[in-house]
Protein backbone atom coordinates (compact mmCIF):
# COMPACT_ATOMS: atom_id res chain seq x y z
CA MET A 1 60.60 -16.40 -22.51
CA VAL A 2 57.49 -14.51 -23.82
CA SER A 3 57.86 -12.95 -27.16
CA PRO A 4 55.86 -10.21 -28.76
CA SER A 5 54.25 -12.81 -31.12
CA ASP A 6 52.67 -14.65 -28.10
CA LEU A 7 50.82 -11.38 -27.15
CA ASN A 8 49.20 -11.16 -30.58
CA PRO A 9 45.60 -12.49 -30.39
CA LEU A 10 45.66 -13.31 -34.03
CA GLY A 11 48.97 -15.05 -33.67
CA SER A 12 47.28 -18.48 -33.81
CA PHE A 13 45.60 -17.65 -37.11
CA ASN A 14 47.33 -18.75 -40.21
CA MET A 15 47.31 -15.52 -42.25
CA ASP A 16 48.58 -17.17 -45.33
CA ILE A 17 46.01 -16.20 -47.93
CA PHE A 18 47.22 -18.88 -50.32
CA THR A 19 45.98 -21.50 -48.09
CA GLY A 20 42.23 -22.31 -47.38
CA THR A 21 42.65 -22.02 -43.60
CA GLY A 22 44.33 -18.53 -43.72
CA LEU A 23 41.62 -17.22 -46.14
CA THR A 24 38.87 -18.46 -43.89
CA HIS A 25 40.33 -16.78 -40.90
CA LEU A 26 40.67 -13.58 -42.68
CA ILE A 27 37.00 -13.52 -43.94
CA VAL A 28 35.79 -14.30 -40.25
CA VAL A 29 38.01 -11.29 -38.87
CA PHE A 30 36.60 -8.98 -41.62
CA ILE A 31 32.95 -9.96 -41.11
CA VAL A 32 33.13 -9.50 -37.27
CA GLY A 33 34.88 -6.17 -37.54
CA LEU A 34 32.33 -5.10 -40.17
CA LEU A 35 29.41 -6.10 -37.79
CA ILE A 36 31.01 -4.13 -34.90
CA PHE A 37 31.53 -1.13 -37.15
CA VAL A 38 27.98 -1.19 -38.49
CA LEU A 39 26.43 -1.76 -35.01
CA GLY A 40 28.45 1.18 -33.59
CA GLY A 41 27.49 3.46 -36.51
CA PHE A 42 23.79 2.60 -36.06
CA ILE A 43 23.87 3.42 -32.36
CA VAL A 44 25.70 6.78 -33.00
CA TRP A 45 23.05 7.59 -35.69
CA TRP A 46 20.10 6.72 -33.56
CA TYR A 47 21.39 8.82 -30.66
CA PHE A 48 21.96 11.95 -32.86
CA ASP A 49 18.80 11.40 -34.88
CA LYS A 50 16.86 11.31 -31.62
CA LYS A 51 18.45 14.43 -30.42
CA ARG A 52 17.53 16.29 -33.60
CA PHE A 53 13.87 15.10 -33.85
CA TRP A 54 12.88 15.97 -30.41
CA ILE A 55 9.38 17.39 -31.22
CA HIS A 56 6.46 14.96 -31.02
CA ILE A 57 3.29 15.60 -32.97
CA PRO A 58 0.24 13.31 -32.31
CA LEU A 59 -1.88 13.70 -35.46
CA TYR A 60 -5.69 13.38 -35.18
CA LYS A 61 -8.46 13.25 -37.73
CA ASN A 62 -11.96 12.08 -38.25
CA ILE A 63 -12.32 8.44 -39.25
CA GLY A 64 -15.96 7.34 -39.53
CA ASN A 65 -16.97 10.65 -37.70
CA VAL A 66 -14.95 9.61 -34.68
CA PRO A 67 -11.81 11.54 -33.69
CA THR A 68 -9.02 9.21 -33.88
CA ARG A 69 -5.29 9.61 -33.41
CA VAL A 70 -3.63 8.35 -36.60
CA ARG A 71 0.09 8.43 -35.70
CA THR A 72 2.69 10.25 -33.69
CA TYR A 73 5.23 11.89 -35.84
CA LYS A 74 8.54 13.45 -34.92
CA ALA A 75 9.87 16.77 -36.16
CA LYS A 76 12.98 18.99 -36.00
CA LEU A 77 13.78 22.63 -36.31
CA PHE A 78 14.58 23.75 -39.87
CA PRO A 79 16.11 27.14 -39.98
CA ILE A 80 15.16 29.62 -42.77
CA GLY A 81 16.96 32.64 -43.48
CA LYS A 82 19.58 34.32 -41.37
CA ALA A 83 17.23 36.25 -39.07
CA GLY A 84 16.59 33.33 -36.54
CA ASP A 85 13.43 32.15 -38.17
CA TYR A 86 12.71 28.50 -38.57
CA LEU A 87 10.03 25.95 -39.51
CA TRP A 88 9.26 22.40 -38.38
CA PHE A 89 10.30 19.66 -40.69
CA VAL A 90 8.13 16.47 -40.01
CA LYS A 91 9.99 13.23 -40.43
CA GLY A 92 8.09 10.52 -42.36
CA VAL A 93 5.82 12.81 -44.44
CA LYS A 94 8.38 15.36 -45.46
CA LYS A 95 6.03 18.22 -44.41
CA TYR A 96 6.97 21.81 -43.15
CA LEU A 97 4.78 23.18 -40.37
CA PRO A 98 4.84 26.59 -38.72
CA PRO A 99 6.06 26.33 -35.15
CA ALA A 100 3.12 25.37 -32.73
CA THR A 101 2.53 27.17 -29.44
CA LEU A 102 -0.02 24.88 -27.85
CA GLN A 103 1.65 22.21 -25.84
CA SER A 104 -0.12 19.22 -24.43
CA ALA A 105 2.84 17.46 -22.90
CA PRO A 106 6.65 18.07 -22.63
CA ASN A 107 7.85 18.37 -26.19
CA GLU A 108 4.43 17.30 -27.55
CA TYR A 109 2.02 19.39 -29.83
CA MET A 110 -1.15 17.89 -30.89
CA HIS A 111 -2.41 18.53 -34.37
CA TRP A 112 -5.65 18.03 -36.20
CA GLU A 113 -5.80 17.20 -39.94
CA ARG A 114 -8.62 19.00 -41.56
CA GLU A 115 -10.52 17.80 -44.61
CA ASP A 116 -8.16 19.79 -46.90
CA GLY A 117 -5.15 18.03 -45.48
CA GLU A 118 -3.93 21.06 -43.39
CA TRP A 119 -2.51 20.41 -39.93
CA ILE A 120 -3.83 22.75 -37.11
CA ASN A 121 -2.35 22.80 -33.69
CA PHE A 122 -4.87 22.37 -30.93
CA VAL A 123 -5.29 21.38 -27.26
CA MET A 124 -8.19 19.39 -25.45
CA GLY A 125 -10.95 21.50 -23.87
CA ASP A 126 -11.99 21.41 -20.21
CA LEU A 127 -14.62 18.86 -20.17
CA ASP A 128 -15.76 19.79 -16.60
CA GLU A 129 -16.17 23.40 -17.63
CA ASP A 130 -18.05 22.37 -20.76
CA GLN A 131 -20.42 20.16 -18.74
CA LYS A 132 -21.09 22.91 -16.18
CA ARG A 133 -21.94 25.27 -18.94
CA ALA A 134 -24.29 22.65 -20.33
CA GLY A 135 -26.06 22.24 -16.97
CA VAL A 136 -24.85 18.67 -16.44
CA LYS A 137 -25.29 17.57 -12.80
CA TYR A 138 -22.42 15.38 -11.53
CA ILE A 139 -24.43 13.90 -8.58
CA HIS A 140 -27.85 12.47 -9.27
CA GLN A 141 -29.75 10.43 -6.83
CA ASP A 142 -31.26 7.98 -9.33
CA MET A 143 -27.92 7.44 -11.05
CA ARG A 144 -26.19 6.78 -7.70
CA SER A 145 -28.90 4.38 -6.56
CA GLN A 146 -28.45 2.57 -9.98
CA ARG A 147 -24.69 2.32 -9.54
CA ILE A 148 -25.02 1.09 -5.97
CA ALA A 149 -27.41 -1.65 -7.22
CA THR A 150 -25.09 -2.55 -9.98
CA ALA A 151 -22.13 -2.80 -7.75
CA ASN A 152 -24.09 -5.03 -5.26
CA LEU A 153 -25.19 -7.20 -8.15
CA LEU A 154 -21.84 -7.63 -9.56
CA GLU A 155 -20.40 -8.41 -6.00
CA GLN A 156 -22.94 -11.09 -5.58
CA ARG A 157 -22.62 -12.78 -8.97
CA LEU A 158 -18.98 -12.24 -9.97
CA MET A 159 -17.08 -11.51 -6.69
CA GLN A 160 -18.19 -14.49 -4.45
CA LYS A 161 -16.74 -14.16 -0.90
CA GLY A 162 -15.19 -16.96 0.83
CA PHE A 163 -16.51 -18.36 4.01
CA TRP A 164 -13.96 -16.59 6.34
CA GLU A 165 -14.46 -13.42 4.35
CA LYS A 166 -18.27 -13.59 4.86
CA TRP A 167 -18.51 -14.97 8.36
CA GLY A 168 -15.03 -14.26 9.85
CA VAL A 169 -16.14 -11.08 11.81
CA VAL A 170 -19.30 -12.91 13.28
CA ILE A 171 -17.27 -15.98 14.39
CA GLY A 172 -14.66 -13.72 15.96
CA TYR A 173 -17.15 -11.88 17.96
CA VAL A 174 -18.95 -15.24 19.07
CA ILE A 175 -15.66 -16.55 20.16
CA PHE A 176 -14.80 -13.40 22.08
CA PHE A 177 -17.98 -13.35 24.01
CA LEU A 178 -17.76 -16.98 24.76
CA VAL A 179 -14.39 -16.54 26.28
CA ILE A 180 -15.58 -13.65 28.40
CA THR A 181 -18.63 -15.62 29.57
CA VAL A 182 -16.33 -18.69 30.52
CA ALA A 183 -13.99 -16.28 32.30
CA VAL A 184 -16.85 -14.64 34.35
CA VAL A 185 -18.36 -18.02 35.24
CA ILE A 186 -14.91 -19.38 36.41
CA ASN A 187 -14.42 -16.20 38.50
CA LEU A 188 -17.85 -16.46 40.09
CA TYR A 189 -17.19 -20.27 40.78
CA MET A 190 -13.79 -19.62 42.47
CA MET A 191 -15.38 -16.71 44.57
CA GLY A 192 -17.99 -19.18 45.76
CA ARG A 193 -15.37 -21.78 46.63
CA VAL A 194 -13.55 -19.16 48.61
CA ILE A 195 -16.60 -18.12 50.53
CA GLN A 196 -17.49 -21.94 51.34
CA GLU A 197 -13.86 -22.45 52.58
CA MET A 198 -14.07 -19.35 54.79
CA LYS A 199 -17.39 -20.41 56.32
CA PRO A 200 -15.99 -22.85 59.03
CA LEU A 201 -13.39 -20.05 59.89
CA VAL A 202 -16.17 -17.61 60.42
CA GLU A 203 -18.31 -20.01 62.34
CA ALA A 204 -15.27 -20.76 64.55
CA ILE A 205 -14.56 -17.02 65.19
CA ASN A 206 -18.18 -16.54 66.13
CA THR A 207 -18.23 -19.43 68.58
CA GLY A 208 -15.04 -18.17 70.22
CA LEU A 209 -16.38 -14.77 70.58
CA ASN A 210 -19.76 -16.10 72.01
CA LYS A 211 -17.66 -18.11 74.61
CA ILE A 212 -15.76 -15.20 75.53
CA ILE A 213 -18.81 -12.99 75.89
CA GLN A 214 -20.49 -15.64 78.07
CA ASN A 215 -17.38 -16.09 80.33
CA GLU A 216 -17.10 -12.34 80.83
CA GLN A 217 -20.65 -11.95 81.83
CA GLY A 218 -20.57 -14.97 84.09
CA GLY A 219 -17.44 -13.83 85.91
CA ASN A 220 -15.54 -16.94 84.69
CA SER A 221 -12.68 -16.20 82.51
CA ILE A 222 -11.18 -18.87 80.27
CA ILE A 223 -8.65 -16.50 78.74
CA PRO A 224 -5.12 -17.84 79.30
CA ALA A 225 -2.67 -15.83 81.31
CA MET A 226 -0.53 -15.19 78.22
CA ALA A 227 -3.43 -13.76 76.47
CA LEU A 228 -3.84 -11.00 79.05
CA ILE A 229 -0.32 -9.91 78.38
CA PHE A 230 -1.35 -9.40 74.66
CA PHE A 231 -4.50 -7.58 75.24
CA ARG A 232 -2.82 -5.11 77.70
CA LYS A 233 -1.57 -3.32 74.73
CA PHE A 234 -5.03 -1.90 73.80
CA LYS A 235 -5.52 1.46 75.50
CA GLY A 236 -8.40 1.72 78.13
CA GLY A 237 -8.11 -2.02 78.97
CA PHE A 238 -9.27 -5.20 77.28
CA LEU A 239 -12.99 -4.98 78.41
CA LYS A 240 -13.33 -1.37 77.22
CA ASN A 241 -11.97 -2.25 73.61
CA PHE A 242 -13.80 -5.56 73.62
CA SER A 243 -17.10 -3.71 74.27
CA ARG A 244 -16.28 -1.47 71.42
CA ILE A 245 -15.72 -4.50 69.08
CA LYS A 246 -18.86 -6.10 70.44
CA ASP A 247 -21.14 -3.04 70.04
CA GLY A 248 -19.73 -2.78 66.41
CA LEU A 249 -20.43 -6.35 65.58
CA TYR A 250 -23.98 -6.30 66.98
CA ASN A 251 -24.75 -2.91 65.71
């Protein structure tokens, strides 16, 4: 039967502190619990600290006459008085700033550090508008030609094309025209064969027609009796329709 002691996860530990094994188990449990407590506390502190310091302040200043971003600080609201006024408390430098109004990104306010150490809120200017006021032309024919020449030079030296990338289109067109040419040649050849095969048939028909014409003109008919039954279907008689056929052939 299962007892309550069997359900205890620490039941296998010897908790007798007067023995070496029990003391070791107790120390291990204490260290593990302390680590879990510290890790949980750090996560909670980090979450609430991130919620409090939600303002980002990128700081710029001149370094060697070059505008350089030094660091991005975090700040929080610091209330003063009871009228709803507040300042910004900057973390890391323990500096109080008046609330900035020029925003460069969500929750981000750029500042410039002057020579006297004062932080001034600013935003970047419109470079396009400044260049237009200065009379800068965006499109210049000489600069465009130079850029195209540079691109072609880089393509020839640094971006060598493979064989198929360079000649693939030409080879494809050549194969296409070869296939079309072979198909046309085969078609003409087959038409010639058909014409040659029909030549004996045409000659036989001409010979038969000539014999019929000669027999009709000489009064001797070699048309079988069964053929007369067939030719009676033509209106106006066989000779009338045959004359029309003959006139059409010779004309």
